[in-house]
Structures are given as structure tokens and as C-alpha cells.
Amino acid sequence: PHGDCPMSTLSVDTIQGKTTAGTVQMPSGSVIQVVNTNSTLQRSTTSTSDVDTGITLDITPKFATSKLYFLFSARIYNNGGGHEYFIKIKDGSTTIGGGATLFDGGDRMAESCTFQAFHTPNTTSTKTYKITHSVSGGTGYINVQSATDFAMHFTIMEIAQ
């Protein structure tokens, strides 16, 4: 408290927009919403072009000016010596972000692939983001070996700007 100003407490159960319930503009940097999915289902490809994994996530941004923050993690593996396995987040055919692993011909081991990305969708319409994968050769796998010890996680956070 400053000087003779009394302390005040504001207690509320709900903050609602004046005209529409979901339109309260939060301060820049605030997380507005989080959507996520996870899976232990093994997926694989031998394609050298990006193909859908079947992993998708929908989000309906509350504000067109928001940034979306993407997080992806999975255990991945390529069984072909000297070949890479690529994972990408896509908005239609546009790549938002991605990661890769390389099997160098030595010990074969699954690696943790974790990456992050940002995207400004400039819309309040529902967006569907998908995970694609491809290889430079060999066969690439998501959730290889015991799928229960490292599940795939895909998360999107809407951040106020």
C-alpha cells in the first residue's frame, strides 16, 4: 500500500467480454488456450516426399493477431544407414517447423525428437495442423520399440499479441 490507500481485493468467478463472452483481450504474452494430442501408435514411412502421419490438431484462434506456439516430441528412428528421417508440422502444404534424425550406420537407436515453432494464422477460423514425415532412404518410425515408454506429444498454444 502507498500512504493512506487501503488494500483492495477483487474476487470474480468469470471474466466475460462486454459484447461477446470469448472476446476479453488478454495482455500480450498471455496464453489464451492450449490444445494437445498424444499417441503411442507406431507410424512408419519409406516415402522420400512428405506424407501425412494421421496426426492432426485443430485450433480455433480467439484473435486473428495471436501467435501459435507449437511443441512436438516423439521417439523416432530410421533403420537405413546414412539416411535421415524428417518430421514436419504443416498448415496445408506450408511447413511451419520440423526436426530430423540421422542413422549414421553405427548403433541403431531410437532418438528423442523435440522441436518448437511459431505461426501467426491471421484468422479466427478453425485451423488444422498436421504432422508429416519422410526419409532420405530406409524406413522412418515414430514411437518405435516400446511405444509405452515414450509417447508422441503434439501441443499448440495460442499466445496473445
N, C-alpha and C. Protein backbone atom coordinates (compact mmCIF):
# COMPACT_ATOMS: atom_id res chain seq x y z
N PRO A 1 0.82 -1.19 0.00
CA PRO A 1 0.00 0.00 0.00
C PRO A 1 0.87 1.25 0.00
N HIS A 2 0.35 2.30 -0.62
CA HIS A 2 1.04 3.58 -0.67
C HIS A 2 0.29 4.57 0.21
N GLY A 3 0.98 5.16 1.16
CA GLY A 3 0.37 6.18 2.01
C GLY A 3 -0.85 5.66 2.71
N ASP A 4 -1.96 6.40 2.54
CA ASP A 4 -3.20 6.05 3.22
C ASP A 4 -4.15 5.24 2.35
N CYS A 5 -3.67 4.72 1.19
CA CYS A 5 -4.54 3.94 0.30
C CYS A 5 -4.85 2.59 0.94
N PRO A 6 -6.11 2.24 1.06
CA PRO A 6 -6.45 0.93 1.64
C PRO A 6 -6.17 -0.20 0.65
N MET A 7 -5.93 -1.39 1.16
CA MET A 7 -5.76 -2.58 0.32
C MET A 7 -7.14 -2.98 -0.19
N SER A 8 -7.19 -3.47 -1.44
CA SER A 8 -8.45 -3.91 -2.02
C SER A 8 -8.29 -5.30 -2.59
N THR A 9 -9.37 -6.04 -2.61
CA THR A 9 -9.39 -7.36 -3.21
C THR A 9 -10.54 -7.41 -4.20
N LEU A 10 -10.25 -7.87 -5.42
CA LEU A 10 -11.28 -8.06 -6.43
C LEU A 10 -11.45 -9.55 -6.61
N SER A 11 -12.61 -10.07 -6.28
CA SER A 11 -12.90 -11.51 -6.42
C SER A 11 -13.96 -11.70 -7.49
N VAL A 12 -13.65 -12.53 -8.48
CA VAL A 12 -14.60 -12.81 -9.55
C VAL A 12 -14.61 -14.31 -9.84
N ASP A 13 -15.72 -14.79 -10.37
CA ASP A 13 -15.80 -16.18 -10.80
C ASP A 13 -15.59 -16.29 -12.30
N THR A 14 -15.98 -15.26 -13.06
CA THR A 14 -15.88 -15.29 -14.51
C THR A 14 -15.60 -13.89 -15.03
N ILE A 15 -14.69 -13.79 -16.01
CA ILE A 15 -14.50 -12.53 -16.73
C ILE A 15 -15.10 -12.74 -18.10
N GLN A 16 -16.03 -11.89 -18.46
CA GLN A 16 -16.75 -12.05 -19.72
C GLN A 16 -16.68 -10.77 -20.52
N GLY A 17 -16.50 -10.91 -21.86
CA GLY A 17 -16.46 -9.75 -22.73
C GLY A 17 -17.76 -8.98 -22.68
N LYS A 18 -17.67 -7.66 -22.90
CA LYS A 18 -18.85 -6.79 -22.83
C LYS A 18 -19.90 -7.19 -23.88
N THR A 19 -19.44 -7.51 -25.12
CA THR A 19 -20.39 -7.85 -26.18
C THR A 19 -20.45 -9.34 -26.48
N THR A 20 -19.31 -10.04 -26.35
CA THR A 20 -19.25 -11.47 -26.62
C THR A 20 -18.40 -12.12 -25.54
N ALA A 21 -18.84 -13.26 -25.04
CA ALA A 21 -18.17 -13.90 -23.90
C ALA A 21 -16.69 -14.19 -24.14
N GLY A 22 -16.30 -14.58 -25.35
CA GLY A 22 -14.92 -15.00 -25.59
C GLY A 22 -13.99 -13.93 -26.13
N THR A 23 -14.32 -12.64 -25.94
CA THR A 23 -13.52 -11.59 -26.57
C THR A 23 -12.76 -10.71 -25.60
N VAL A 24 -12.46 -11.17 -24.42
CA VAL A 24 -11.67 -10.37 -23.49
C VAL A 24 -10.23 -10.40 -23.96
N GLN A 25 -9.67 -9.23 -24.32
CA GLN A 25 -8.29 -9.18 -24.80
C GLN A 25 -7.35 -9.28 -23.62
N MET A 26 -6.55 -10.33 -23.61
CA MET A 26 -5.59 -10.56 -22.53
C MET A 26 -4.30 -9.80 -22.85
N PRO A 27 -3.48 -9.52 -21.83
CA PRO A 27 -2.21 -8.82 -22.06
C PRO A 27 -1.30 -9.61 -23.01
N SER A 28 -0.48 -8.90 -23.75
CA SER A 28 0.47 -9.52 -24.67
C SER A 28 1.32 -10.56 -23.93
N GLY A 29 1.48 -11.72 -24.54
CA GLY A 29 2.25 -12.80 -23.95
C GLY A 29 1.43 -13.79 -23.15
N SER A 30 0.16 -13.48 -22.92
CA SER A 30 -0.71 -14.39 -22.16
C SER A 30 -1.10 -15.60 -23.01
N VAL A 31 -1.16 -16.75 -22.36
CA VAL A 31 -1.65 -17.95 -23.04
C VAL A 31 -3.17 -17.88 -23.03
N ILE A 32 -3.76 -17.93 -24.22
CA ILE A 32 -5.21 -17.82 -24.35
C ILE A 32 -5.86 -19.20 -24.30
N GLN A 33 -5.25 -20.18 -24.96
CA GLN A 33 -5.77 -21.54 -24.94
C GLN A 33 -4.66 -22.51 -25.32
N VAL A 34 -4.86 -23.77 -24.91
CA VAL A 34 -3.91 -24.84 -25.22
C VAL A 34 -4.70 -26.04 -25.72
N VAL A 35 -4.26 -26.61 -26.84
CA VAL A 35 -4.83 -27.86 -27.34
C VAL A 35 -3.68 -28.85 -27.52
N ASN A 36 -3.96 -30.11 -27.28
CA ASN A 36 -2.89 -31.10 -27.43
C ASN A 36 -3.45 -32.47 -27.75
N THR A 37 -2.57 -33.31 -28.26
CA THR A 37 -2.89 -34.71 -28.52
C THR A 37 -1.64 -35.52 -28.25
N ASN A 38 -1.83 -36.79 -27.95
CA ASN A 38 -0.69 -37.69 -27.80
C ASN A 38 -1.08 -39.06 -28.30
N SER A 39 -0.09 -39.88 -28.58
CA SER A 39 -0.35 -41.19 -29.14
C SER A 39 0.83 -42.12 -28.88
N THR A 40 0.53 -43.39 -28.71
CA THR A 40 1.57 -44.42 -28.63
C THR A 40 1.53 -45.30 -29.87
N LEU A 41 0.67 -44.95 -30.85
CA LEU A 41 0.57 -45.73 -32.09
C LEU A 41 1.83 -45.56 -32.93
N GLN A 42 2.43 -46.66 -33.36
CA GLN A 42 3.62 -46.58 -34.21
C GLN A 42 3.21 -46.24 -35.64
N ARG A 43 3.95 -45.32 -36.25
CA ARG A 43 3.73 -44.94 -37.65
C ARG A 43 5.06 -45.06 -38.36
N SER A 44 5.03 -45.39 -39.67
CA SER A 44 6.29 -45.51 -40.41
C SER A 44 6.09 -45.07 -41.85
N THR A 45 7.22 -44.77 -42.51
CA THR A 45 7.18 -44.41 -43.92
C THR A 45 8.50 -44.78 -44.60
N THR A 46 8.40 -45.05 -45.90
CA THR A 46 9.58 -45.21 -46.75
C THR A 46 9.59 -44.14 -47.83
N SER A 47 8.65 -43.19 -47.75
CA SER A 47 8.50 -42.14 -48.76
C SER A 47 9.59 -41.08 -48.63
N THR A 48 10.13 -40.65 -49.77
CA THR A 48 11.10 -39.55 -49.77
C THR A 48 10.40 -38.19 -49.92
N SER A 49 9.08 -38.20 -50.07
CA SER A 49 8.27 -36.98 -50.09
C SER A 49 7.41 -36.96 -48.83
N ASP A 50 7.06 -35.76 -48.36
CA ASP A 50 6.24 -35.65 -47.15
C ASP A 50 4.91 -36.35 -47.33
N VAL A 51 4.57 -37.21 -46.37
CA VAL A 51 3.27 -37.88 -46.34
C VAL A 51 2.66 -37.68 -44.96
N ASP A 52 1.32 -37.65 -44.91
CA ASP A 52 0.62 -37.46 -43.64
C ASP A 52 0.84 -38.65 -42.72
N THR A 53 1.00 -38.36 -41.44
CA THR A 53 1.11 -39.42 -40.43
C THR A 53 -0.25 -39.78 -39.87
N GLY A 54 -1.26 -38.94 -40.11
CA GLY A 54 -2.57 -39.12 -39.49
C GLY A 54 -2.67 -38.36 -38.18
N ILE A 55 -1.58 -37.70 -37.76
CA ILE A 55 -1.58 -36.90 -36.53
C ILE A 55 -1.98 -35.47 -36.91
N THR A 56 -3.11 -35.01 -36.40
CA THR A 56 -3.59 -33.65 -36.67
C THR A 56 -4.04 -33.01 -35.37
N LEU A 57 -4.11 -31.70 -35.39
CA LEU A 57 -4.59 -30.96 -34.23
C LEU A 57 -5.33 -29.73 -34.74
N ASP A 58 -6.56 -29.53 -34.26
CA ASP A 58 -7.37 -28.38 -34.63
C ASP A 58 -7.30 -27.32 -33.54
N ILE A 59 -7.29 -26.06 -33.97
CA ILE A 59 -7.38 -24.95 -33.03
C ILE A 59 -8.19 -23.85 -33.71
N THR A 60 -9.04 -23.19 -32.93
CA THR A 60 -9.80 -22.04 -33.41
C THR A 60 -9.29 -20.83 -32.65
N PRO A 61 -8.40 -20.04 -33.28
CA PRO A 61 -7.82 -18.88 -32.58
C PRO A 61 -8.92 -17.91 -32.14
N LYS A 62 -8.77 -17.37 -30.96
CA LYS A 62 -9.74 -16.40 -30.44
C LYS A 62 -9.51 -15.03 -31.09
N PHE A 63 -8.25 -14.77 -31.49
CA PHE A 63 -7.90 -13.48 -32.09
C PHE A 63 -7.03 -13.71 -33.32
N ALA A 64 -7.29 -12.98 -34.40
CA ALA A 64 -6.52 -13.13 -35.64
C ALA A 64 -5.07 -12.69 -35.45
N THR A 65 -4.81 -11.84 -34.46
CA THR A 65 -3.45 -11.33 -34.24
C THR A 65 -2.60 -12.25 -33.36
N SER A 66 -3.18 -13.30 -32.84
CA SER A 66 -2.45 -14.20 -31.94
C SER A 66 -1.33 -14.94 -32.67
N LYS A 67 -0.32 -15.34 -31.90
CA LYS A 67 0.71 -16.26 -32.41
C LYS A 67 0.39 -17.63 -31.86
N LEU A 68 0.65 -18.64 -32.67
CA LEU A 68 0.52 -20.02 -32.20
C LEU A 68 1.91 -20.56 -31.94
N TYR A 69 2.06 -21.19 -30.80
CA TYR A 69 3.34 -21.80 -30.40
C TYR A 69 3.14 -23.31 -30.43
N PHE A 70 3.96 -23.99 -31.23
CA PHE A 70 3.85 -25.43 -31.43
C PHE A 70 4.97 -26.16 -30.70
N LEU A 71 4.64 -27.26 -30.07
CA LEU A 71 5.61 -28.15 -29.45
C LEU A 71 5.35 -29.56 -29.95
N PHE A 72 6.39 -30.25 -30.35
CA PHE A 72 6.25 -31.64 -30.79
C PHE A 72 7.38 -32.45 -30.18
N SER A 73 7.06 -33.64 -29.70
CA SER A 73 8.09 -34.55 -29.22
C SER A 73 7.66 -35.98 -29.48
N ALA A 74 8.62 -36.81 -29.88
CA ALA A 74 8.35 -38.22 -30.14
C ALA A 74 9.67 -38.98 -30.16
N ARG A 75 9.58 -40.27 -30.01
CA ARG A 75 10.73 -41.14 -30.19
C ARG A 75 10.72 -41.56 -31.66
N ILE A 76 11.80 -41.26 -32.39
CA ILE A 76 11.84 -41.56 -33.82
C ILE A 76 13.10 -42.35 -34.17
N TYR A 77 13.05 -42.98 -35.34
CA TYR A 77 14.13 -43.90 -35.72
C TYR A 77 14.12 -44.09 -37.23
N ASN A 78 15.31 -44.23 -37.83
CA ASN A 78 15.43 -44.61 -39.24
C ASN A 78 16.35 -45.83 -39.29
N ASN A 79 15.90 -46.89 -39.95
CA ASN A 79 16.67 -48.14 -39.97
C ASN A 79 17.70 -48.21 -41.10
N GLY A 80 17.80 -47.16 -41.92
CA GLY A 80 18.71 -47.20 -43.07
C GLY A 80 19.99 -46.43 -42.81
N GLY A 81 21.13 -47.08 -42.94
CA GLY A 81 22.42 -46.45 -42.69
C GLY A 81 22.64 -45.20 -43.52
N GLY A 82 23.03 -44.10 -42.87
CA GLY A 82 23.34 -42.85 -43.56
C GLY A 82 22.12 -42.09 -44.04
N HIS A 83 20.93 -42.43 -43.55
CA HIS A 83 19.71 -41.76 -44.01
C HIS A 83 19.04 -40.98 -42.88
N GLU A 84 18.34 -39.94 -43.28
CA GLU A 84 17.63 -39.10 -42.32
C GLU A 84 16.14 -39.42 -42.32
N TYR A 85 15.50 -39.07 -41.21
CA TYR A 85 14.04 -39.18 -41.05
C TYR A 85 13.55 -37.81 -40.64
N PHE A 86 12.64 -37.23 -41.43
CA PHE A 86 12.17 -35.86 -41.23
C PHE A 86 10.73 -35.85 -40.71
N ILE A 87 10.48 -35.01 -39.72
CA ILE A 87 9.14 -34.78 -39.17
C ILE A 87 8.83 -33.30 -39.37
N LYS A 88 7.62 -32.97 -39.86
CA LYS A 88 7.26 -31.57 -40.08
C LYS A 88 5.84 -31.29 -39.58
N ILE A 89 5.64 -30.05 -39.12
CA ILE A 89 4.30 -29.53 -38.85
C ILE A 89 3.91 -28.73 -40.07
N LYS A 90 2.70 -29.00 -40.59
CA LYS A 90 2.27 -28.28 -41.78
C LYS A 90 0.88 -27.68 -41.61
N ASP A 91 0.72 -26.52 -42.25
CA ASP A 91 -0.57 -25.85 -42.42
C ASP A 91 -0.89 -26.01 -43.89
N GLY A 92 -1.68 -27.02 -44.23
CA GLY A 92 -1.88 -27.36 -45.64
C GLY A 92 -0.58 -27.88 -46.20
N SER A 93 -0.02 -27.19 -47.21
CA SER A 93 1.26 -27.60 -47.78
C SER A 93 2.42 -26.74 -47.27
N THR A 94 2.13 -25.77 -46.39
CA THR A 94 3.16 -24.88 -45.86
C THR A 94 3.79 -25.48 -44.61
N THR A 95 5.11 -25.60 -44.61
CA THR A 95 5.82 -26.12 -43.44
C THR A 95 5.96 -25.03 -42.40
N ILE A 96 5.53 -25.34 -41.17
CA ILE A 96 5.61 -24.41 -40.04
C ILE A 96 6.89 -24.65 -39.24
N GLY A 97 7.31 -25.90 -39.13
CA GLY A 97 8.51 -26.25 -38.38
C GLY A 97 8.78 -27.73 -38.51
N GLY A 98 9.92 -28.18 -38.00
CA GLY A 98 10.22 -29.60 -38.08
C GLY A 98 11.51 -29.99 -37.43
N GLY A 99 11.80 -31.29 -37.51
CA GLY A 99 13.01 -31.85 -36.95
C GLY A 99 13.39 -33.10 -37.71
N ALA A 100 14.56 -33.66 -37.39
CA ALA A 100 15.04 -34.83 -38.11
C ALA A 100 15.98 -35.64 -37.22
N THR A 101 16.21 -36.89 -37.63
CA THR A 101 17.22 -37.72 -37.01
C THR A 101 18.02 -38.38 -38.12
N LEU A 102 19.25 -38.76 -37.82
CA LEU A 102 20.13 -39.37 -38.81
C LEU A 102 20.65 -40.69 -38.26
N PHE A 103 20.50 -41.76 -39.04
CA PHE A 103 21.12 -43.03 -38.68
C PHE A 103 22.46 -43.07 -39.40
N ASP A 104 23.54 -43.05 -38.64
CA ASP A 104 24.87 -42.92 -39.24
C ASP A 104 25.52 -44.24 -39.60
N GLY A 105 24.81 -45.34 -39.45
CA GLY A 105 25.37 -46.64 -39.80
C GLY A 105 26.00 -47.35 -38.61
N GLY A 106 26.07 -46.67 -37.47
CA GLY A 106 26.62 -47.29 -36.25
C GLY A 106 25.52 -48.01 -35.49
N ASP A 107 25.52 -47.85 -34.17
CA ASP A 107 24.49 -48.48 -33.36
C ASP A 107 23.13 -47.94 -33.75
N ARG A 108 22.19 -48.85 -33.89
CA ARG A 108 20.82 -48.44 -34.22
C ARG A 108 20.10 -48.11 -32.92
N MET A 109 19.64 -46.88 -32.82
CA MET A 109 18.91 -46.49 -31.61
C MET A 109 17.87 -45.44 -31.96
N ALA A 110 16.76 -45.51 -31.22
CA ALA A 110 15.72 -44.50 -31.38
C ALA A 110 16.15 -43.26 -30.63
N GLU A 111 15.82 -42.10 -31.19
CA GLU A 111 16.18 -40.84 -30.58
C GLU A 111 14.94 -40.04 -30.24
N SER A 112 15.08 -39.18 -29.26
CA SER A 112 14.02 -38.26 -28.94
C SER A 112 14.10 -37.09 -29.91
N CYS A 113 13.00 -36.78 -30.56
CA CYS A 113 12.93 -35.64 -31.48
C CYS A 113 11.96 -34.64 -30.88
N THR A 114 12.47 -33.48 -30.50
CA THR A 114 11.64 -32.43 -29.92
C THR A 114 11.93 -31.13 -30.66
N PHE A 115 10.88 -30.46 -31.09
CA PHE A 115 11.08 -29.15 -31.72
C PHE A 115 9.90 -28.24 -31.42
N GLN A 116 10.10 -26.97 -31.69
CA GLN A 116 9.08 -25.96 -31.47
C GLN A 116 9.02 -25.04 -32.68
N ALA A 117 7.90 -24.36 -32.83
CA ALA A 117 7.73 -23.44 -33.96
C ALA A 117 6.67 -22.40 -33.59
N PHE A 118 6.66 -21.30 -34.34
CA PHE A 118 5.65 -20.25 -34.19
C PHE A 118 4.97 -20.02 -35.53
N HIS A 119 3.70 -19.61 -35.47
CA HIS A 119 2.96 -19.30 -36.69
C HIS A 119 1.87 -18.30 -36.32
N THR A 120 1.63 -17.31 -37.17
CA THR A 120 0.52 -16.37 -36.99
C THR A 120 -0.52 -16.70 -38.05
N PRO A 121 -1.66 -17.29 -37.65
CA PRO A 121 -2.64 -17.74 -38.64
C PRO A 121 -3.45 -16.62 -39.29
N ASN A 122 -3.50 -15.43 -38.67
CA ASN A 122 -4.27 -14.29 -39.20
C ASN A 122 -5.72 -14.63 -39.48
N THR A 123 -6.32 -15.44 -38.60
CA THR A 123 -7.72 -15.81 -38.77
C THR A 123 -8.29 -16.23 -37.42
N THR A 124 -9.62 -16.21 -37.32
CA THR A 124 -10.30 -16.77 -36.17
C THR A 124 -11.11 -18.01 -36.59
N SER A 125 -10.85 -18.48 -37.80
CA SER A 125 -11.48 -19.71 -38.28
C SER A 125 -10.66 -20.91 -37.80
N THR A 126 -11.30 -22.05 -37.68
CA THR A 126 -10.61 -23.25 -37.23
C THR A 126 -9.51 -23.63 -38.21
N LYS A 127 -8.34 -23.91 -37.65
CA LYS A 127 -7.17 -24.35 -38.43
C LYS A 127 -6.85 -25.79 -38.04
N THR A 128 -6.45 -26.58 -39.04
CA THR A 128 -6.00 -27.94 -38.80
C THR A 128 -4.53 -28.02 -39.18
N TYR A 129 -3.70 -28.38 -38.21
CA TYR A 129 -2.27 -28.56 -38.43
C TYR A 129 -1.98 -30.05 -38.42
N LYS A 130 -1.11 -30.48 -39.31
CA LYS A 130 -0.82 -31.91 -39.43
C LYS A 130 0.67 -32.17 -39.31
N ILE A 131 0.98 -33.39 -38.91
CA ILE A 131 2.36 -33.85 -38.84
C ILE A 131 2.59 -34.73 -40.07
N THR A 132 3.66 -34.42 -40.82
CA THR A 132 4.05 -35.25 -41.96
C THR A 132 5.42 -35.85 -41.67
N HIS A 133 5.77 -36.86 -42.45
CA HIS A 133 7.11 -37.44 -42.32
C HIS A 133 7.61 -37.93 -43.67
N SER A 134 8.94 -38.03 -43.77
CA SER A 134 9.60 -38.54 -44.97
C SER A 134 11.00 -39.00 -44.58
N VAL A 135 11.64 -39.71 -45.49
CA VAL A 135 13.01 -40.19 -45.25
C VAL A 135 13.86 -39.88 -46.47
N SER A 136 15.18 -39.85 -46.26
CA SER A 136 16.09 -39.75 -47.41
C SER A 136 16.39 -41.16 -47.94
N GLY A 137 16.04 -42.17 -47.18
CA GLY A 137 16.20 -43.58 -47.52
C GLY A 137 15.86 -44.39 -46.29
N GLY A 138 15.77 -45.71 -46.42
CA GLY A 138 15.41 -46.56 -45.29
C GLY A 138 13.96 -46.40 -44.91
N THR A 139 13.63 -46.78 -43.69
CA THR A 139 12.28 -46.66 -43.15
C THR A 139 12.34 -45.83 -41.87
N GLY A 140 11.48 -44.81 -41.79
CA GLY A 140 11.40 -43.97 -40.60
C GLY A 140 10.22 -44.37 -39.75
N TYR A 141 10.41 -44.33 -38.43
CA TYR A 141 9.36 -44.73 -37.48
C TYR A 141 9.16 -43.66 -36.41
N ILE A 142 7.89 -43.41 -36.07
CA ILE A 142 7.53 -42.65 -34.88
C ILE A 142 7.05 -43.68 -33.86
N ASN A 143 7.45 -43.51 -32.58
CA ASN A 143 7.08 -44.42 -31.50
C ASN A 143 7.60 -45.82 -31.76
N VAL A 144 8.87 -45.93 -32.09
CA VAL A 144 9.48 -47.23 -32.34
C VAL A 144 9.76 -47.93 -31.01
N GLN A 145 9.96 -49.22 -31.05
CA GLN A 145 10.23 -50.08 -29.89
C GLN A 145 9.01 -50.09 -28.99
N SER A 146 9.21 -49.97 -27.69
CA SER A 146 8.09 -50.00 -26.75
C SER A 146 7.41 -48.64 -26.75
N ALA A 147 6.27 -48.57 -27.39
CA ALA A 147 5.59 -47.28 -27.55
C ALA A 147 5.13 -46.70 -26.22
N THR A 148 5.03 -47.53 -25.18
CA THR A 148 4.55 -47.01 -23.90
C THR A 148 5.61 -46.25 -23.13
N ASP A 149 6.90 -46.36 -23.51
CA ASP A 149 7.90 -45.66 -22.73
C ASP A 149 8.25 -44.28 -23.27
N PHE A 150 7.67 -43.87 -24.38
CA PHE A 150 7.86 -42.51 -24.87
C PHE A 150 6.79 -42.21 -25.91
N ALA A 151 5.67 -41.68 -25.48
CA ALA A 151 4.57 -41.37 -26.39
C ALA A 151 4.87 -40.10 -27.17
N MET A 152 4.25 -39.98 -28.34
CA MET A 152 4.32 -38.77 -29.15
C MET A 152 3.38 -37.74 -28.53
N HIS A 153 3.84 -36.47 -28.45
CA HIS A 153 3.03 -35.36 -27.95
C HIS A 153 3.07 -34.22 -28.96
N PHE A 154 1.90 -33.63 -29.23
CA PHE A 154 1.78 -32.50 -30.14
C PHE A 154 0.88 -31.48 -29.45
N THR A 155 1.41 -30.26 -29.23
CA THR A 155 0.70 -29.23 -28.47
C THR A 155 0.74 -27.91 -29.23
N ILE A 156 -0.39 -27.18 -29.18
CA ILE A 156 -0.45 -25.83 -29.74
C ILE A 156 -0.98 -24.90 -28.64
N MET A 157 -0.28 -23.77 -28.44
CA MET A 157 -0.71 -22.74 -27.50
C MET A 157 -0.98 -21.46 -28.27
N GLU A 158 -2.13 -20.84 -28.01
CA GLU A 158 -2.41 -19.53 -28.60
C GLU A 158 -1.91 -18.47 -27.62
N ILE A 159 -1.05 -17.57 -28.14
CA ILE A 159 -0.42 -16.53 -27.32
C ILE A 159 -0.92 -15.16 -27.77
N ALA A 160 -1.43 -14.37 -26.83
CA ALA A 160 -1.91 -13.02 -27.14
C ALA A 160 -0.76 -12.11 -27.57
N GLN A 161 -1.02 -11.24 -28.53
CA GLN A 161 0.00 -10.29 -29.01
C GLN A 161 -0.41 -8.87 -28.69
